[in-house]
Amino acid sequence: MLEIIKFNTGGVVNWYDHFVAADIELISAYIEQSEISTSFAIKEFHSLKKVEFE
């Protein structure tokens, strides 16, 4: 006799997905903040790099 087994691998009932989603949100926020800080540092570097002589 063939027995069919169904696995639930996602959705709101899977507790693991909630932890992974929270981790992904934290990583996303960290990457976004790093991009903002890096772009600000590059702009600051370019503004300080220009030296004017009189």
PDB file of N, CA and C in Angstrom:
ATOM      1  N   MET A   1       0.847  -1.172   0.000  1.00  0.00           N
ATOM      2  CA  MET A   1       0.000   0.000   0.000  1.00  0.00           C
ATOM      3  C   MET A   1       0.897   1.242   0.000  1.00  0.00           C
ATOM      4  N   LEU A   2       0.567   2.199  -0.838  1.00  0.00           N
ATOM      5  CA  LEU A   2       1.328   3.442  -0.968  1.00  0.00           C
ATOM      6  C   LEU A   2       0.769   4.492  -0.018  1.00  0.00           C
ATOM      7  N   GLU A   3       1.645   5.010   0.817  1.00  0.00           N
ATOM      8  CA  GLU A   3       1.217   6.018   1.780  1.00  0.00           C
ATOM      9  C   GLU A   3       1.830   7.359   1.376  1.00  0.00           C
ATOM     10  N   ILE A   4       1.023   8.377   1.240  1.00  0.00           N
ATOM     11  CA  ILE A   4       1.485   9.707   0.850  1.00  0.00           C
ATOM     12  C   ILE A   4       1.649  10.556   2.105  1.00  0.00           C
ATOM     13  N   ILE A   5       2.846  11.146   2.236  1.00  0.00           N
ATOM     14  CA  ILE A   5       3.128  12.005   3.386  1.00  0.00           C
ATOM     15  C   ILE A   5       3.288  13.424   2.877  1.00  0.00           C
ATOM     16  N   LYS A   6       2.607  14.348   3.491  1.00  0.00           N
ATOM     17  CA  LYS A   6       2.663  15.749   3.089  1.00  0.00           C
ATOM     18  C   LYS A   6       3.424  16.538   4.150  1.00  0.00           C
ATOM     19  N   PHE A   7       4.412  17.315   3.701  1.00  0.00           N
ATOM     20  CA  PHE A   7       5.186  18.154   4.600  1.00  0.00           C
ATOM     21  C   PHE A   7       4.803  19.611   4.410  1.00  0.00           C
ATOM     22  N   ASN A   8       4.667  20.322   5.494  1.00  0.00           N
ATOM     23  CA  ASN A   8       4.407  21.757   5.439  1.00  0.00           C
ATOM     24  C   ASN A   8       5.749  22.456   5.625  1.00  0.00           C
ATOM     25  N   THR A   9       6.242  23.099   4.579  1.00  0.00           N
ATOM     26  CA  THR A   9       7.579  23.696   4.642  1.00  0.00           C
ATOM     27  C   THR A   9       7.563  25.215   4.677  1.00  0.00           C
ATOM     28  N   GLY A  10       6.461  25.817   4.894  1.00  0.00           N
ATOM     29  CA  GLY A  10       6.428  27.273   4.938  1.00  0.00           C
ATOM     30  C   GLY A  10       5.116  27.773   5.493  1.00  0.00           C
ATOM     31  N   GLY A  11       4.961  29.062   5.439  1.00  0.00           N
ATOM     32  CA  GLY A  11       3.724  29.659   5.904  1.00  0.00           C
ATOM     33  C   GLY A  11       3.822  30.141   7.330  1.00  0.00           C
ATOM     34  N   VAL A  12       2.705  30.563   7.854  1.00  0.00           N
ATOM     35  CA  VAL A  12       2.683  31.159   9.182  1.00  0.00           C
ATOM     36  C   VAL A  12       2.763  30.127  10.295  1.00  0.00           C
ATOM     37  N   VAL A  13       2.554  28.852   9.988  1.00  0.00           N
ATOM     38  CA  VAL A  13       2.583  27.836  11.037  1.00  0.00           C
ATOM     39  C   VAL A  13       3.990  27.329  11.306  1.00  0.00           C
ATOM     40  N   ASN A  14       4.930  27.648  10.452  1.00  0.00           N
ATOM     41  CA  ASN A  14       6.295  27.172  10.634  1.00  0.00           C
ATOM     42  C   ASN A  14       7.071  28.196  11.457  1.00  0.00           C
ATOM     43  N   TRP A  15       7.435  27.846  12.689  1.00  0.00           N
ATOM     44  CA  TRP A  15       8.118  28.784  13.592  1.00  0.00           C
ATOM     45  C   TRP A  15       9.493  29.158  13.071  1.00  0.00           C
ATOM     46  N   TYR A  16      10.142  28.265  12.344  1.00  0.00           N
ATOM     47  CA  TYR A  16      11.483  28.545  11.826  1.00  0.00           C
ATOM     48  C   TYR A  16      11.453  29.713  10.843  1.00  0.00           C
ATOM     49  N   ASP A  17      10.416  29.795  10.024  1.00  0.00           N
ATOM     50  CA  ASP A  17      10.289  30.882   9.048  1.00  0.00           C
ATOM     51  C   ASP A  17      10.219  32.242   9.728  1.00  0.00           C
ATOM     52  N   HIS A  18       9.598  32.315  10.894  1.00  0.00           N
ATOM     53  CA  HIS A  18       9.507  33.587  11.610  1.00  0.00           C
ATOM     54  C   HIS A  18      10.885  34.067  12.055  1.00  0.00           C
ATOM     55  N   PHE A  19      11.702  33.139  12.567  1.00  0.00           N
ATOM     56  CA  PHE A  19      13.047  33.516  12.995  1.00  0.00           C
ATOM     57  C   PHE A  19      13.923  33.894  11.812  1.00  0.00           C
ATOM     58  N   VAL A  20      13.803  33.177  10.719  1.00  0.00           N
ATOM     59  CA  VAL A  20      14.587  33.486   9.520  1.00  0.00           C
ATOM     60  C   VAL A  20      14.166  34.835   8.957  1.00  0.00           C
ATOM     61  N   ALA A  21      12.877  35.123   8.934  1.00  0.00           N
ATOM     62  CA  ALA A  21      12.391  36.409   8.424  1.00  0.00           C
ATOM     63  C   ALA A  21      12.906  37.554   9.290  1.00  0.00           C
ATOM     64  N   ALA A  22      12.935  37.363  10.601  1.00  0.00           N
ATOM     65  CA  ALA A  22      13.444  38.409  11.488  1.00  0.00           C
ATOM     66  C   ALA A  22      14.939  38.613  11.260  1.00  0.00           C
ATOM     67  N   ASP A  23      15.678  37.522  11.076  1.00  0.00           N
ATOM     68  CA  ASP A  23      17.114  37.631  10.798  1.00  0.00           C
ATOM     69  C   ASP A  23      17.372  38.338   9.477  1.00  0.00           C
ATOM     70  N   ILE A  24      16.584  38.043   8.480  1.00  0.00           N
ATOM     71  CA  ILE A  24      16.742  38.688   7.171  1.00  0.00           C
ATOM     72  C   ILE A  24      16.458  40.177   7.277  1.00  0.00           C
ATOM     73  N   GLU A  25      15.464  40.562   8.067  1.00  0.00           N
ATOM     74  CA  GLU A  25      15.165  41.976   8.269  1.00  0.00           C
ATOM     75  C   GLU A  25      16.327  42.695   8.947  1.00  0.00           C
ATOM     76  N   LEU A  26      16.937  42.054   9.946  1.00  0.00           N
ATOM     77  CA  LEU A  26      18.077  42.661  10.624  1.00  0.00           C
ATOM     78  C   LEU A  26      19.269  42.819   9.692  1.00  0.00           C
ATOM     79  N   ILE A  27      19.532  41.797   8.896  1.00  0.00           N
ATOM     80  CA  ILE A  27      20.637  41.871   7.938  1.00  0.00           C
ATOM     81  C   ILE A  27      20.373  42.946   6.904  1.00  0.00           C
ATOM     82  N   SER A  28      19.137  43.047   6.447  1.00  0.00           N
ATOM     83  CA  SER A  28      18.767  44.069   5.471  1.00  0.00           C
ATOM     84  C   SER A  28      18.961  45.472   6.038  1.00  0.00           C
ATOM     85  N   ALA A  29      18.554  45.680   7.276  1.00  0.00           N
ATOM     86  CA  ALA A  29      18.731  46.988   7.913  1.00  0.00           C
ATOM     87  C   ALA A  29      20.208  47.313   8.091  1.00  0.00           C
ATOM     88  N   TYR A  30      21.016  46.316   8.444  1.00  0.00           N
ATOM     89  CA  TYR A  30      22.454  46.531   8.605  1.00  0.00           C
ATOM     90  C   TYR A  30      23.100  46.910   7.269  1.00  0.00           C
ATOM     91  N   ILE A  31      22.729  46.217   6.210  1.00  0.00           N
ATOM     92  CA  ILE A  31      23.286  46.505   4.890  1.00  0.00           C
ATOM     93  C   ILE A  31      22.877  47.898   4.435  1.00  0.00           C
ATOM     94  N   GLU A  32      21.620  48.264   4.646  1.00  0.00           N
ATOM     95  CA  GLU A  32      21.152  49.585   4.246  1.00  0.00           C
ATOM     96  C   GLU A  32      21.893  50.685   5.004  1.00  0.00           C
ATOM     97  N   GLN A  33      22.086  50.496   6.317  1.00  0.00           N
ATOM     98  CA  GLN A  33      22.810  51.487   7.102  1.00  0.00           C
ATOM     99  C   GLN A  33      24.267  51.566   6.675  1.00  0.00           C
ATOM    100  N   SER A  34      24.856  50.429   6.341  1.00  0.00           N
ATOM    101  CA  SER A  34      26.244  50.418   5.860  1.00  0.00           C
ATOM    102  C   SER A  34      26.375  51.169   4.540  1.00  0.00           C
ATOM    103  N   GLU A  35      25.413  51.008   3.650  1.00  0.00           N
ATOM    104  CA  GLU A  35      25.432  51.730   2.376  1.00  0.00           C
ATOM    105  C   GLU A  35      25.309  53.230   2.595  1.00  0.00           C
ATOM    106  N   ILE A  36      24.457  53.651   3.522  1.00  0.00           N
ATOM    107  CA  ILE A  36      24.289  55.072   3.813  1.00  0.00           C
ATOM    108  C   ILE A  36      25.572  55.644   4.388  1.00  0.00           C
ATOM    109  N   SER A  37      26.177  54.922   5.333  1.00  0.00           N
ATOM    110  CA  SER A  37      27.420  55.393   5.945  1.00  0.00           C
ATOM    111  C   SER A  37      28.549  55.466   4.931  1.00  0.00           C
ATOM    112  N   THR A  38      28.624  54.479   4.056  1.00  0.00           N
ATOM    113  CA  THR A  38      29.672  54.450   3.049  1.00  0.00           C
ATOM    114  C   THR A  38      29.506  55.580   2.046  1.00  0.00           C
ATOM    115  N   SER A  39      28.288  55.817   1.591  1.00  0.00           N
ATOM    116  CA  SER A  39      28.073  56.895   0.628  1.00  0.00           C
ATOM    117  C   SER A  39      28.366  58.255   1.269  1.00  0.00           C
ATOM    118  N   PHE A  40      28.016  58.423   2.545  1.00  0.00           N
ATOM    119  CA  PHE A  40      28.331  59.669   3.238  1.00  0.00           C
ATOM    120  C   PHE A  40      29.842  59.850   3.373  1.00  0.00           C
ATOM    121  N   ALA A  41      30.556  58.767   3.693  1.00  0.00           N
ATOM    122  CA  ALA A  41      32.011  58.840   3.836  1.00  0.00           C
ATOM    123  C   ALA A  41      32.678  59.160   2.503  1.00  0.00           C
ATOM    124  N   ILE A  42      32.165  58.610   1.409  1.00  0.00           N
ATOM    125  CA  ILE A  42      32.737  58.892   0.083  1.00  0.00           C
ATOM    126  C   ILE A  42      32.515  60.352  -0.292  1.00  0.00           C
ATOM    127  N   LYS A  43      31.319  60.873  -0.027  1.00  0.00           N
ATOM    128  CA  LYS A  43      31.048  62.282  -0.319  1.00  0.00           C
ATOM    129  C   LYS A  43      31.943  63.191   0.513  1.00  0.00           C
ATOM    130  N   GLU A  44      32.110  62.852   1.778  1.00  0.00           N
ATOM    131  CA  GLU A  44      32.972  63.639   2.661  1.00  0.00           C
ATOM    132  C   GLU A  44      34.423  63.589   2.188  1.00  0.00           C
ATOM    133  N   PHE A  45      34.874  62.431   1.747  1.00  0.00           N
ATOM    134  CA  PHE A  45      36.233  62.283   1.242  1.00  0.00           C
ATOM    135  C   PHE A  45      36.452  63.151   0.006  1.00  0.00           C
ATOM    136  N   HIS A  46      35.492  63.124  -0.919  1.00  0.00           N
ATOM    137  CA  HIS A  46      35.628  63.926  -2.138  1.00  0.00           C
ATOM    138  C   HIS A  46      35.604  65.420  -1.834  1.00  0.00           C
ATOM    139  N   SER A  47      34.839  65.822  -0.835  1.00  0.00           N
ATOM    140  CA  SER A  47      34.806  67.246  -0.495  1.00  0.00           C
ATOM    141  C   SER A  47      36.112  67.683   0.174  1.00  0.00           C
ATOM    142  N   LEU A  48      36.728  66.810   0.956  1.00  0.00           N
ATOM    143  CA  LEU A  48      37.984  67.153   1.614  1.00  0.00           C
ATOM    144  C   LEU A  48      39.206  66.950   0.711  1.00  0.00           C
ATOM    145  N   LYS A  49      39.037  66.186  -0.329  1.00  0.00           N
ATOM    146  CA  LYS A  49      40.123  65.880  -1.241  1.00  0.00           C
ATOM    147  C   LYS A  49      40.497  67.092  -2.093  1.00  0.00           C
ATOM    148  N   LYS A  50      39.512  67.929  -2.353  1.00  0.00           N
ATOM    149  CA  LYS A  50      39.744  69.095  -3.198  1.00  0.00           C
ATOM    150  C   LYS A  50      40.462  70.177  -2.379  1.00  0.00           C
ATOM    151  N   VAL A  51      41.635  70.518  -2.820  1.00  0.00           N
ATOM    152  CA  VAL A  51      42.420  71.532  -2.141  1.00  0.00           C
ATOM    153  C   VAL A  51      42.593  72.715  -3.085  1.00  0.00           C
ATOM    154  N   GLU A  52      42.311  73.886  -2.607  1.00  0.00           N
ATOM    155  CA  GLU A  52      42.450  75.078  -3.430  1.00  0.00           C
ATOM    156  C   GLU A  52      43.662  75.884  -2.967  1.00  0.00           C
ATOM    157  N   PHE A  53      44.484  76.279  -3.928  1.00  0.00           N
ATOM    158  CA  PHE A  53      45.655  77.098  -3.629  1.00  0.00           C
ATOM    159  C   PHE A  53      45.397  78.514  -4.091  1.00  0.00           C
ATOM    160  N   GLU A  54      45.815  79.451  -3.307  1.00  0.00           N
ATOM    161  CA  GLU A  54      45.658  80.857  -3.690  1.00  0.00           C
ATOM    162  C   GLU A  54      46.963  81.404  -4.196  1.00  0.00           C
TER     163      GLU A  54
END
